[in-house]
Amino acid sequence: MAVGDRLREPATAAAVVCGGIAGAMAGALSNALWALPVGAGVLALLLGVRALTVRLSAPSRPPKPRPAPEMPPLAGPPSAPRVAERPGEPGGVAVVFVHGLFSSPDVWSAFHRLITDDPELDPLTLLYFSYSSPFARFAPHRRIPEFDDLADDLKNYLEVDAAGYSAIVFVSHSQGGLVVQRYLARMINSARGRDLARIRRVVMFACPNSGSNFGLALRRWTFLWRHPQERSLRPLDGPTMTAQGVVLSRIVHATEHSDIRCPIPVFVYAGSDDKIVTPPSAKSVFPDDKAFGLPGDHRSIVRPDSAAHRSYRTLRQHLLTVLKDRTPGPAR
């Protein structure tokens, strides 16, 4: 049958017409789906250009200020103010406080407050020797001072800041006691024993006179082994033991003043709960009548919380003794 004859049949003709319509609709739908994302992109671009034009043509306004955030209160107990030198009686007794390793004069804030509030101790001048004792030093142009450096620094401090006082009392904590001993030994070895006559007393709290074993294995295997002050705190450190020998033989057990001797009472105190500097180390080889125990650990022994604390009552007794006895000659 010819094509023309098939188109004359109604069913065949309808099928051909429907197929043509379906093909046209499919083509139109395909074109619409392809144009949809393109049209959406063009519309978004036009809206963006419009918004930018409106923003640029609008007058500029200053930004709305934001409220400043509230700062947290400064850390630290309000009852422990930063210490400052307190003048007392001109030419009288000066108390020179010497702090320990990784510390500062602020360790004496409790003593400072109690002494300042004590009217019987008003004649005293309170001085605070400060020295560099960082945990580490990373600046290539700076170093951590050794004990000999600190001793010489203390000597200059006494000759400048404490030059006008007739009597001096050393009060030290931890490593500070070794710094004081190094100063005394270097003065004796320089034949300047007579220049030490105005030092009326030395009171050492928790001084590692036989070294400190606390964390010793870790200290030996970390970068702290390069810390010169930490090395001097190790048991049986040569220069530390040598200086202590000079102090014991020519100061503690001395009976007369000379160029190489100067009798000065030296008292050592150990914290009963102290594991950093144990009582045997703090008392070491000092005479039994000059070595005592106190309640507390390495920190609390120099942090008396009231005038009734035994650490404060002990120091107060020493200071009153010096105030009452300022006559020339060997101290008692």
C-alpha atoms as a PDB file:
ATOM      1  CA  MET A   1       0.000   0.000   0.000  1.00  0.00           C
ATOM      2  CA  ALA A   2       1.291   3.406  -0.892  1.00  0.00           C
ATOM      3  CA  VAL A   3       1.998   6.035   1.714  1.00  0.00           C
ATOM      4  CA  GLY A   4      -0.774   8.199   0.460  1.00  0.00           C
ATOM      5  CA  ASP A   5      -3.189   5.314   0.791  1.00  0.00           C
ATOM      6  CA  ARG A   6      -2.135   4.741   4.446  1.00  0.00           C
ATOM      7  CA  LEU A   7      -2.634   8.419   5.306  1.00  0.00           C
ATOM      8  CA  ARG A   8      -6.167   8.131   4.037  1.00  0.00           C
ATOM      9  CA  GLU A   9      -6.975   5.667   6.791  1.00  0.00           C
ATOM     10  CA  PRO A  10      -8.261   7.553   9.955  1.00  0.00           C
ATOM     11  CA  ALA A  11      -6.286   5.555  12.547  1.00  0.00           C
ATOM     12  CA  THR A  12      -3.037   5.860  10.696  1.00  0.00           C
ATOM     13  CA  ALA A  13      -3.466   9.557  10.172  1.00  0.00           C
ATOM     14  CA  ALA A  14      -4.249  10.180  13.836  1.00  0.00           C
ATOM     15  CA  ALA A  15      -1.173   8.261  14.906  1.00  0.00           C
ATOM     16  CA  VAL A  16       1.060  10.294  12.645  1.00  0.00           C
ATOM     17  CA  VAL A  17      -0.423  13.557  13.878  1.00  0.00           C
ATOM     18  CA  CYS A  18      -0.026  12.565  17.573  1.00  0.00           C
ATOM     19  CA  GLY A  19       3.557  11.513  17.008  1.00  0.00           C
ATOM     20  CA  GLY A  20       4.348  14.861  15.443  1.00  0.00           C
ATOM     21  CA  ILE A  21       2.768  16.752  18.285  1.00  0.00           C
ATOM     22  CA  ALA A  22       4.648  14.671  20.900  1.00  0.00           C
ATOM     23  CA  GLY A  23       7.954  15.277  19.140  1.00  0.00           C
ATOM     24  CA  ALA A  24       7.335  19.002  19.037  1.00  0.00           C
ATOM     25  CA  MET A  25       6.427  19.092  22.728  1.00  0.00           C
ATOM     26  CA  ALA A  26       9.554  17.103  23.678  1.00  0.00           C
ATOM     27  CA  GLY A  27      11.748  19.475  21.759  1.00  0.00           C
ATOM     28  CA  ALA A  28      10.148  22.508  23.394  1.00  0.00           C
ATOM     29  CA  LEU A  29      10.519  20.982  26.858  1.00  0.00           C
ATOM     30  CA  SER A  30      14.169  20.185  26.233  1.00  0.00           C
ATOM     31  CA  ASN A  31      14.848  23.759  25.150  1.00  0.00           C
ATOM     32  CA  ALA A  32      13.039  25.093  28.240  1.00  0.00           C
ATOM     33  CA  LEU A  33      15.043  22.886  30.640  1.00  0.00           C
ATOM     34  CA  TRP A  34      18.292  23.992  29.036  1.00  0.00           C
ATOM     35  CA  ALA A  35      17.345  27.667  29.198  1.00  0.00           C
ATOM     36  CA  LEU A  36      16.160  27.520  32.851  1.00  0.00           C
ATOM     37  CA  PRO A  37      19.610  27.632  34.571  1.00  0.00           C
ATOM     38  CA  VAL A  38      20.874  30.163  32.065  1.00  0.00           C
ATOM     39  CA  GLY A  39      17.909  32.399  32.747  1.00  0.00           C
ATOM     40  CA  ALA A  40      18.297  32.009  36.512  1.00  0.00           C
ATOM     41  CA  GLY A  41      21.947  32.976  36.287  1.00  0.00           C
ATOM     42  CA  VAL A  42      21.190  36.034  34.205  1.00  0.00           C
ATOM     43  CA  LEU A  43      18.444  37.062  36.671  1.00  0.00           C
ATOM     44  CA  ALA A  44      20.810  36.691  39.659  1.00  0.00           C
ATOM     45  CA  LEU A  45      23.446  38.754  37.896  1.00  0.00           C
ATOM     46  CA  LEU A  46      20.962  41.519  37.168  1.00  0.00           C
ATOM     47  CA  LEU A  47      19.758  41.559  40.805  1.00  0.00           C
ATOM     48  CA  GLY A  48      23.360  41.737  42.064  1.00  0.00           C
ATOM     49  CA  VAL A  49      24.186  44.648  39.773  1.00  0.00           C
ATOM     50  CA  ARG A  50      21.051  46.413  40.927  1.00  0.00           C
ATOM     51  CA  ALA A  51      21.896  45.957  44.615  1.00  0.00           C
ATOM     52  CA  LEU A  52      25.452  47.200  44.059  1.00  0.00           C
ATOM     53  CA  THR A  53      24.169  50.258  42.244  1.00  0.00           C
ATOM     54  CA  VAL A  54      21.798  51.101  45.101  1.00  0.00           C
ATOM     55  CA  ARG A  55      24.573  50.657  47.729  1.00  0.00           C
ATOM     56  CA  LEU A  56      26.998  52.891  45.818  1.00  0.00           C
ATOM     57  CA  SER A  57      24.407  55.595  45.255  1.00  0.00           C
ATOM     58  CA  ALA A  58      23.261  55.630  48.924  1.00  0.00           C
ATOM     59  CA  PRO A  59      24.917  58.173  51.278  1.00  0.00           C
ATOM     60  CA  SER A  60      27.658  56.675  53.509  1.00  0.00           C
ATOM     61  CA  ARG A  61      26.835  56.250  57.188  1.00  0.00           C
ATOM     62  CA  PRO A  62      29.311  55.641  60.012  1.00  0.00           C
ATOM     63  CA  PRO A  63      29.261  52.113  61.385  1.00  0.00           C
ATOM     64  CA  LYS A  64      27.252  51.517  64.495  1.00  0.00           C
ATOM     65  CA  PRO A  65      29.619  51.428  67.485  1.00  0.00           C
ATOM     66  CA  ARG A  66      29.857  48.126  69.290  1.00  0.00           C
ATOM     67  CA  PRO A  67      29.838  48.059  73.074  1.00  0.00           C
ATOM     68  CA  ALA A  68      33.268  47.358  74.590  1.00  0.00           C
ATOM     69  CA  PRO A  69      33.540  43.884  76.091  1.00  0.00           C
ATOM     70  CA  GLU A  70      33.716  43.681  79.839  1.00  0.00           C
ATOM     71  CA  MET A  71      37.229  42.949  81.072  1.00  0.00           C
ATOM     72  CA  PRO A  72      37.644  40.205  83.672  1.00  0.00           C
ATOM     73  CA  PRO A  73      39.031  41.274  87.035  1.00  0.00           C
ATOM     74  CA  LEU A  74      42.773  41.045  87.503  1.00  0.00           C
ATOM     75  CA  ALA A  75      43.988  37.774  88.920  1.00  0.00           C
ATOM     76  CA  GLY A  76      45.524  37.560  92.351  1.00  0.00           C
ATOM     77  CA  PRO A  77      44.270  37.739  95.911  1.00  0.00           C
ATOM     78  CA  PRO A  78      43.324  41.253  97.024  1.00  0.00           C
ATOM     79  CA  SER A  79      45.037  40.640 100.372  1.00  0.00           C
ATOM     80  CA  ALA A  80      48.444  40.181  98.680  1.00  0.00           C
ATOM     81  CA  PRO A  81      49.479  43.605  97.302  1.00  0.00           C
ATOM     82  CA  ARG A  82      52.654  44.090  95.345  1.00  0.00           C
ATOM     83  CA  VAL A  83      55.441  44.882  97.756  1.00  0.00           C
ATOM     84  CA  ALA A  84      57.253  48.185  97.734  1.00  0.00           C
ATOM     85  CA  GLU A  85      60.197  49.452  99.712  1.00  0.00           C
ATOM     86  CA  ARG A  86      59.010  51.017 102.959  1.00  0.00           C
ATOM     87  CA  PRO A  87      61.210  53.657 104.568  1.00  0.00           C
ATOM     88  CA  GLY A  88      61.743  53.473 108.289  1.00  0.00           C
ATOM     89  CA  GLU A  89      64.028  55.180 110.737  1.00  0.00           C
ATOM     90  CA  PRO A  90      66.843  56.968 108.857  1.00  0.00           C
ATOM     91  CA  GLY A  91      70.162  55.252 109.440  1.00  0.00           C
ATOM     92  CA  GLY A  92      68.461  52.495 111.411  1.00  0.00           C
ATOM     93  CA  VAL A  93      67.742  48.851 110.627  1.00  0.00           C
ATOM     94  CA  ALA A  94      66.990  47.688 107.086  1.00  0.00           C
ATOM     95  CA  VAL A  95      65.493  44.283 106.354  1.00  0.00           C
ATOM     96  CA  VAL A  96      66.653  42.984 102.976  1.00  0.00           C
ATOM     97  CA  PHE A  97      64.371  40.284 101.569  1.00  0.00           C
ATOM     98  CA  VAL A  98      65.801  37.915  98.928  1.00  0.00           C
ATOM     99  CA  HIS A  99      63.449  35.704  96.903  1.00  0.00           C
ATOM    100  CA  GLY A 100      64.087  32.299  95.346  1.00  0.00           C
ATOM    101  CA  LEU A 101      64.164  30.505  91.986  1.00  0.00           C
ATOM    102  CA  PHE A 102      61.578  31.562  89.344  1.00  0.00           C
ATOM    103  CA  SER A 103      60.186  34.011  91.904  1.00  0.00           C
ATOM    104  CA  SER A 104      60.019  37.740  92.634  1.00  0.00           C
ATOM    105  CA  PRO A 105      59.724  40.129  95.611  1.00  0.00           C
ATOM    106  CA  ASP A 106      55.952  39.570  95.546  1.00  0.00           C
ATOM    107  CA  VAL A 107      56.544  36.331  97.444  1.00  0.00           C
ATOM    108  CA  TRP A 108      57.037  38.542 100.512  1.00  0.00           C
ATOM    109  CA  SER A 109      53.641  40.289 100.247  1.00  0.00           C
ATOM    110  CA  ALA A 110      52.203  38.560 103.351  1.00  0.00           C
ATOM    111  CA  PHE A 111      55.222  39.465 105.488  1.00  0.00           C
ATOM    112  CA  HIS A 112      55.153  42.981 104.087  1.00  0.00           C
ATOM    113  CA  ARG A 113      51.535  43.501 105.073  1.00  0.00           C
ATOM    114  CA  LEU A 114      51.986  42.104 108.588  1.00  0.00           C
ATOM    115  CA  ILE A 115      55.171  44.060 109.312  1.00  0.00           C
ATOM    116  CA  THR A 116      53.614  47.270 107.997  1.00  0.00           C
ATOM    117  CA  ASP A 117      50.618  46.786 110.310  1.00  0.00           C
ATOM    118  CA  ASP A 118      52.832  46.138 113.345  1.00  0.00           C
ATOM    119  CA  PRO A 119      53.532  49.398 115.222  1.00  0.00           C
ATOM    120  CA  GLU A 120      56.500  47.897 117.093  1.00  0.00           C
ATOM    121  CA  LEU A 121      58.261  47.344 113.776  1.00  0.00           C
ATOM    122  CA  ASP A 122      57.707  50.857 112.425  1.00  0.00           C
ATOM    123  CA  PRO A 123      61.415  51.806 112.725  1.00  0.00           C
ATOM    124  CA  LEU A 124      62.338  49.112 110.188  1.00  0.00           C
ATOM    125  CA  THR A 125      63.036  49.886 106.548  1.00  0.00           C
ATOM    126  CA  LEU A 126      61.850  47.125 104.213  1.00  0.00           C
ATOM    127  CA  LEU A 127      64.012  46.525 101.139  1.00  0.00           C
ATOM    128  CA  TYR A 128      63.456  43.914  98.436  1.00  0.00           C
ATOM    129  CA  PHE A 129      66.389  42.661  96.417  1.00  0.00           C
ATOM    130  CA  SER A 130      65.173  41.494  93.023  1.00  0.00           C
ATOM    131  CA  TYR A 131      67.198  39.520  90.502  1.00  0.00           C
ATOM    132  CA  SER A 132      66.664  37.780  87.186  1.00  0.00           C
ATOM    133  CA  SER A 133      65.508  34.168  87.549  1.00  0.00           C
ATOM    134  CA  PRO A 134      63.523  33.215  84.413  1.00  0.00           C
ATOM    135  CA  PHE A 135      62.363  29.690  83.669  1.00  0.00           C
ATOM    136  CA  ALA A 136      64.197  29.869  80.341  1.00  0.00           C
ATOM    137  CA  ARG A 137      65.980  32.417  78.202  1.00  0.00           C
ATOM    138  CA  PHE A 138      65.444  32.380  74.422  1.00  0.00           C
ATOM    139  CA  ALA A 139      66.945  35.728  73.447  1.00  0.00           C
ATOM    140  CA  PRO A 140      70.382  35.020  71.915  1.00  0.00           C
ATOM    141  CA  HIS A 141      71.846  38.249  73.322  1.00  0.00           C
ATOM    142  CA  ARG A 142      70.862  37.558  76.950  1.00  0.00           C
ATOM    143  CA  ARG A 143      71.938  35.007  79.542  1.00  0.00           C
ATOM    144  CA  ILE A 144      70.682  33.688  82.867  1.00  0.00           C
ATOM    145  CA  PRO A 145      72.902  35.001  85.679  1.00  0.00           C
ATOM    146  CA  GLU A 146      74.850  32.552  87.814  1.00  0.00           C
ATOM    147  CA  PHE A 147      75.147  32.671  91.600  1.00  0.00           C
ATOM    148  CA  ASP A 148      78.420  34.608  91.461  1.00  0.00           C
ATOM    149  CA  ASP A 149      76.720  37.223  89.298  1.00  0.00           C
ATOM    150  CA  LEU A 150      73.819  37.463  91.743  1.00  0.00           C
ATOM    151  CA  ALA A 151      76.192  37.740  94.696  1.00  0.00           C
ATOM    152  CA  ASP A 152      78.004  40.646  93.076  1.00  0.00           C
ATOM    153  CA  ASP A 153      74.663  42.241  92.236  1.00  0.00           C
ATOM    154  CA  LEU A 154      73.632  41.915  95.890  1.00  0.00           C
ATOM    155  CA  LYS A 155      76.917  43.485  97.000  1.00  0.00           C
ATOM    156  CA  ASN A 156      76.267  46.512  94.825  1.00  0.00           C
ATOM    157  CA  TYR A 157      72.662  46.705  96.053  1.00  0.00           C
ATOM    158  CA  LEU A 158      73.828  46.881  99.659  1.00  0.00           C
ATOM    159  CA  GLU A 159      76.457  49.498  98.868  1.00  0.00           C
ATOM    160  CA  VAL A 160      73.984  51.707  96.988  1.00  0.00           C
ATOM    161  CA  ASP A 161      70.385  51.095  98.078  1.00  0.00           C
ATOM    162  CA  ALA A 162      71.217  50.150 101.672  1.00  0.00           C
ATOM    163  CA  ALA A 163      74.273  52.345 102.111  1.00  0.00           C
ATOM    164  CA  GLY A 164      72.877  54.559 104.864  1.00  0.00           C
ATOM    165  CA  TYR A 165      71.736  51.895 107.333  1.00  0.00           C
ATOM    166  CA  SER A 166      73.706  50.928 110.408  1.00  0.00           C
ATOM    167  CA  ALA A 167      72.215  47.433 110.666  1.00  0.00           C
ATOM    168  CA  ILE A 168      71.091  44.899 108.063  1.00  0.00           C
ATOM    169  CA  VAL A 169      68.933  41.787 108.460  1.00  0.00           C
ATOM    170  CA  PHE A 170      68.809  39.290 105.604  1.00  0.00           C
ATOM    171  CA  VAL A 171      65.563  37.345 105.165  1.00  0.00           C
ATOM    172  CA  SER A 172      65.644  34.782 102.362  1.00  0.00           C
ATOM    173  CA  HIS A 173      63.447  32.130 100.823  1.00  0.00           C
ATOM    174  CA  SER A 174      64.665  28.963  99.092  1.00  0.00           C
ATOM    175  CA  GLN A 175      67.439  29.724  96.586  1.00  0.00           C
ATOM    176  CA  GLY A 176      67.699  33.241  98.012  1.00  0.00           C
ATOM    177  CA  GLY A 177      69.514  31.794 101.012  1.00  0.00           C
ATOM    178  CA  LEU A 178      72.199  30.361  98.753  1.00  0.00           C
ATOM    179  CA  VAL A 179      72.578  33.735  97.040  1.00  0.00           C
ATOM    180  CA  VAL A 180      73.114  35.377 100.441  1.00  0.00           C
ATOM    181  CA  GLN A 181      75.655  32.726 101.422  1.00  0.00           C
ATOM    182  CA  ARG A 182      77.514  33.173  98.134  1.00  0.00           C
ATOM    183  CA  TYR A 183      77.693  36.920  98.789  1.00  0.00           C
ATOM    184  CA  LEU A 184      79.023  36.385 102.331  1.00  0.00           C
ATOM    185  CA  ALA A 185      81.618  33.858 101.153  1.00  0.00           C
ATOM    186  CA  ARG A 186      82.865  36.114  98.349  1.00  0.00           C
ATOM    187  CA  MET A 187      83.225  39.011 100.781  1.00  0.00           C
ATOM    188  CA  ILE A 188      85.248  36.838 103.177  1.00  0.00           C
ATOM    189  CA  ASN A 189      87.400  35.487 100.344  1.00  0.00           C
ATOM    190  CA  SER A 190      88.075  39.086  99.293  1.00  0.00           C
ATOM    191  CA  ALA A 191      89.301  39.946 102.808  1.00  0.00           C
ATOM    192  CA  ARG A 192      86.309  42.224 103.395  1.00  0.00           C
ATOM    193  CA  GLY A 193      85.077  40.573 106.557  1.00  0.00           C
ATOM    194  CA  ARG A 194      85.026  43.852 108.459  1.00  0.00           C
ATOM    195  CA  ASP A 195      82.581  45.285 105.921  1.00  0.00           C
ATOM    196  CA  LEU A 196      80.061  42.643 107.006  1.00  0.00           C
ATOM    197  CA  ALA A 197      79.892  43.926 110.592  1.00  0.00           C
ATOM    198  CA  ARG A 198      76.608  45.766 110.077  1.00  0.00           C
ATOM    199  CA  ILE A 199      74.842  42.544 109.035  1.00  0.00           C
ATOM    200  CA  ARG A 200      73.169  41.682 112.311  1.00  0.00           C
ATOM    201  CA  ARG A 201      71.317  38.505 111.374  1.00  0.00           C
ATOM    202  CA  VAL A 202      70.448  36.099 108.554  1.00  0.00           C
ATOM    203  CA  VAL A 203      67.105  34.277 108.562  1.00  0.00           C
ATOM    204  CA  MET A 204      66.674  31.621 105.864  1.00  0.00           C
ATOM    205  CA  PHE A 205      63.334  29.970 105.104  1.00  0.00           C
ATOM    206  CA  ALA A 206      63.408  26.620 103.253  1.00  0.00           C
ATOM    207  CA  CYS A 207      66.934  27.095 101.914  1.00  0.00           C
ATOM    208  CA  PRO A 208      68.266  24.004 100.046  1.00  0.00           C
ATOM    209  CA  ASN A 209      71.524  23.912 101.994  1.00  0.00           C
ATOM    210  CA  SER A 210      72.105  20.303 100.916  1.00  0.00           C
ATOM    211  CA  GLY A 211      70.461  20.725  97.527  1.00  0.00           C
ATOM    212  CA  SER A 212      67.022  19.739  96.291  1.00  0.00           C
ATOM    213  CA  ASN A 213      66.198  16.278  94.972  1.00  0.00           C
ATOM    214  CA  PHE A 214      62.703  17.320  93.881  1.00  0.00           C
ATOM    215  CA  GLY A 215      62.228  16.237  90.248  1.00  0.00           C
ATOM    216  CA  LEU A 216      65.981  15.750  89.929  1.00  0.00           C
ATOM    217  CA  ALA A 217      65.804  13.033  87.245  1.00  0.00           C
ATOM    218  CA  LEU A 218      63.510  15.178  85.104  1.00  0.00           C
ATOM    219  CA  ARG A 219      65.639  18.257  85.666  1.00  0.00           C
ATOM    220  CA  ARG A 220      68.726  16.397  84.465  1.00  0.00           C
ATOM    221  CA  TRP A 221      67.125  15.202  81.232  1.00  0.00           C
ATOM    222  CA  THR A 222      65.349  18.395  80.155  1.00  0.00           C
ATOM    223  CA  PHE A 223      66.591  21.736  78.904  1.00  0.00           C
ATOM    224  CA  LEU A 224      66.769  22.915  82.518  1.00  0.00           C
ATOM    225  CA  TRP A 225      70.161  21.223  82.797  1.00  0.00           C
ATOM    226  CA  ARG A 226      71.440  24.346  81.020  1.00  0.00           C
ATOM    227  CA  HIS A 227      69.953  26.604  83.691  1.00  0.00           C
ATOM    228  CA  PRO A 228      72.906  27.777  85.833  1.00  0.00           C
ATOM    229  CA  GLN A 229      70.764  28.546  88.876  1.00  0.00           C
ATOM    230  CA  GLU A 230      69.040  25.160  88.735  1.00  0.00           C
ATOM    231  CA  ARG A 231      72.446  23.429  88.562  1.00  0.00           C
ATOM    232  CA  SER A 232      73.494  25.166  91.773  1.00  0.00           C
ATOM    233  CA  LEU A 233      70.465  23.673  93.530  1.00  0.00           C
ATOM    234  CA  ARG A 234      71.519  20.090  92.871  1.00  0.00           C
ATOM    235  CA  PRO A 235      72.882  18.046  95.768  1.00  0.00           C
ATOM    236  CA  LEU A 236      76.630  18.304  96.335  1.00  0.00           C
ATOM    237  CA  ASP A 237      77.115  21.156  93.867  1.00  0.00           C
ATOM    238  CA  GLY A 238      80.797  22.092  94.175  1.00  0.00           C
ATOM    239  CA  PRO A 239      80.694  25.915  94.298  1.00  0.00           C
ATOM    240  CA  THR A 240      77.619  25.874  96.542  1.00  0.00           C
ATOM    241  CA  MET A 241      79.249  23.526  99.047  1.00  0.00           C
ATOM    242  CA  THR A 242      82.477  25.551  98.995  1.00  0.00           C
ATOM    243  CA  ALA A 243      80.634  28.790  99.762  1.00  0.00           C
ATOM    244  CA  GLN A 244      78.688  27.076 102.538  1.00  0.00           C
ATOM    245  CA  GLY A 245      81.932  25.835 104.077  1.00  0.00           C
ATOM    246  CA  VAL A 246      83.266  29.396 104.217  1.00  0.00           C
ATOM    247  CA  VAL A 247      80.042  30.632 105.814  1.00  0.00           C
ATOM    248  CA  LEU A 248      80.081  27.902 108.453  1.00  0.00           C
ATOM    249  CA  SER A 249      83.741  28.178 109.412  1.00  0.00           C
ATOM    250  CA  ARG A 250      84.316  31.928 109.160  1.00  0.00           C
ATOM    251  CA  ILE A 251      80.882  33.380 109.931  1.00  0.00           C
ATOM    252  CA  VAL A 252      78.649  30.959 111.829  1.00  0.00           C
ATOM    253  CA  HIS A 253      81.458  29.672 114.076  1.00  0.00           C
ATOM    254  CA  ALA A 254      83.531  32.867 114.094  1.00  0.00           C
ATOM    255  CA  THR A 255      84.170  34.601 117.401  1.00  0.00           C
ATOM    256  CA  GLU A 256      85.952  37.783 116.346  1.00  0.00           C
ATOM    257  CA  HIS A 257      85.987  40.336 113.562  1.00  0.00           C
ATOM    258  CA  SER A 258      88.851  40.368 111.094  1.00  0.00           C
ATOM    259  CA  ASP A 259      89.431  40.697 107.380  1.00  0.00           C
ATOM    260  CA  ILE A 260      88.580  37.031 106.872  1.00  0.00           C
ATOM    261  CA  ARG A 261      86.063  36.467 109.672  1.00  0.00           C
ATOM    262  CA  CYS A 262      82.839  38.037 110.833  1.00  0.00           C
ATOM    263  CA  PRO A 263      80.499  36.470 113.421  1.00  0.00           C
ATOM    264  CA  ILE A 264      76.891  36.707 112.201  1.00  0.00           C
ATOM    265  CA  PRO A 265      73.970  34.692 113.626  1.00  0.00           C
ATOM    266  CA  VAL A 266      72.506  32.553 110.851  1.00  0.00           C
ATOM    267  CA  PHE A 267      69.161  30.862 111.479  1.00  0.00           C
ATOM    268  CA  VAL A 268      67.648  28.242 109.168  1.00  0.00           C
ATOM    269  CA  TYR A 269      63.996  27.153 109.117  1.00  0.00           C
ATOM    270  CA  ALA A 270      62.465  24.122 107.415  1.00  0.00           C
ATOM    271  CA  GLY A 271      58.831  23.533 106.469  1.00  0.00           C
ATOM    272  CA  SER A 272      57.512  20.329 108.020  1.00  0.00           C
ATOM    273  CA  ASP A 273      55.422  19.589 104.891  1.00  0.00           C
ATOM    274  CA  ASP A 274      58.026  20.761 102.400  1.00  0.00           C
ATOM    275  CA  LYS A 275      58.944  18.173  99.761  1.00  0.00           C
ATOM    276  CA  ILE A 276      60.805  20.593  97.483  1.00  0.00           C
ATOM    277  CA  VAL A 277      63.371  21.396 100.159  1.00  0.00           C
ATOM    278  CA  THR A 278      63.114  18.712 102.805  1.00  0.00           C
ATOM    279  CA  PRO A 279      63.863  19.494 106.466  1.00  0.00           C
ATOM    280  CA  PRO A 280      67.193  17.575 106.409  1.00  0.00           C
ATOM    281  CA  SER A 281      68.348  19.679 103.478  1.00  0.00           C
ATOM    282  CA  ALA A 282      67.174  22.970 104.978  1.00  0.00           C
ATOM    283  CA  LYS A 283      68.830  22.286 108.339  1.00  0.00           C
ATOM    284  CA  SER A 284      71.848  20.554 106.790  1.00  0.00           C
ATOM    285  CA  VAL A 285      75.026  20.977 108.858  1.00  0.00           C
ATOM    286  CA  PHE A 286      74.005  24.160 110.654  1.00  0.00           C
ATOM    287  CA  PRO A 287      74.162  24.028 114.459  1.00  0.00           C
ATOM    288  CA  ASP A 288      71.137  22.583 116.228  1.00  0.00           C
ATOM    289  CA  ASP A 289      70.570  25.794 118.154  1.00  0.00           C
ATOM    290  CA  LYS A 290      70.239  27.667 114.846  1.00  0.00           C
ATOM    291  CA  ALA A 291      68.107  25.148 112.889  1.00  0.00           C
ATOM    292  CA  PHE A 292      64.358  24.808 113.483  1.00  0.00           C
ATOM    293  CA  GLY A 293      61.147  23.577 111.927  1.00  0.00           C
ATOM    294  CA  LEU A 294      57.993  25.490 111.028  1.00  0.00           C
ATOM    295  CA  PRO A 295      54.528  24.335 109.931  1.00  0.00           C
ATOM    296  CA  GLY A 296      53.847  24.536 106.218  1.00  0.00           C
ATOM    297  CA  ASP A 297      55.248  23.588 102.843  1.00  0.00           C
ATOM    298  CA  HIS A 298      57.707  25.323 100.542  1.00  0.00           C
ATOM    299  CA  ARG A 299      55.299  28.125  99.697  1.00  0.00           C
ATOM    300  CA  SER A 300      53.156  28.573 102.789  1.00  0.00           C
ATOM    301  CA  ILE A 301      56.176  28.868 105.086  1.00  0.00           C
ATOM    302  CA  VAL A 302      56.620  32.432 103.772  1.00  0.00           C
ATOM    303  CA  ARG A 303      52.900  33.147 103.383  1.00  0.00           C
ATOM    304  CA  PRO A 304      51.672  33.716 106.957  1.00  0.00           C
ATOM    305  CA  ASP A 305      47.932  34.348 106.911  1.00  0.00           C
ATOM    306  CA  SER A 306      47.828  36.265 110.202  1.00  0.00           C
ATOM    307  CA  ALA A 307      49.995  37.779 112.905  1.00  0.00           C
ATOM    308  CA  ALA A 308      49.447  34.590 114.889  1.00  0.00           C
ATOM    309  CA  HIS A 309      51.160  32.435 112.259  1.00  0.00           C
ATOM    310  CA  ARG A 310      54.368  30.983 113.642  1.00  0.00           C
ATOM    311  CA  SER A 311      56.424  32.034 110.622  1.00  0.00           C
ATOM    312  CA  TYR A 312      55.552  35.648 111.278  1.00  0.00           C
ATOM    313  CA  ARG A 313      56.012  35.411 115.046  1.00  0.00           C
ATOM    314  CA  THR A 314      59.424  33.841 114.458  1.00  0.00           C
ATOM    315  CA  LEU A 315      60.591  36.559 112.093  1.00  0.00           C
ATOM    316  CA  ARG A 316      59.090  39.247 114.317  1.00  0.00           C
ATOM    317  CA  GLN A 317      61.129  38.010 117.272  1.00  0.00           C
ATOM    318  CA  HIS A 318      64.340  38.234 115.235  1.00  0.00           C
ATOM    319  CA  LEU A 319      63.538  41.760 114.072  1.00  0.00           C
ATOM    320  CA  LEU A 320      62.699  42.979 117.570  1.00  0.00           C
ATOM    321  CA  THR A 321      65.955  41.520 118.859  1.00  0.00           C
ATOM    322  CA  VAL A 322      67.953  43.454 116.289  1.00  0.00           C
ATOM    323  CA  LEU A 323      66.022  46.640 116.996  1.00  0.00           C
ATOM    324  CA  LYS A 324      66.859  46.379 120.693  1.00  0.00           C
ATOM    325  CA  ASP A 325      70.504  45.501 120.133  1.00  0.00           C
ATOM    326  CA  ARG A 326      72.197  47.827 117.658  1.00  0.00           C
ATOM    327  CA  THR A 327      75.419  48.358 119.551  1.00  0.00           C
ATOM    328  CA  PRO A 328      78.696  47.880 117.660  1.00  0.00           C
ATOM    329  CA  GLY A 329      80.457  44.574 117.924  1.00  0.00           C
ATOM    330  CA  PRO A 330      79.541  40.925 117.323  1.00  0.00           C
ATOM    331  CA  ALA A 331      75.826  40.300 116.934  1.00  0.00           C
ATOM    332  CA  ARG A 332      74.133  37.995 119.356  1.00  0.00           C
END
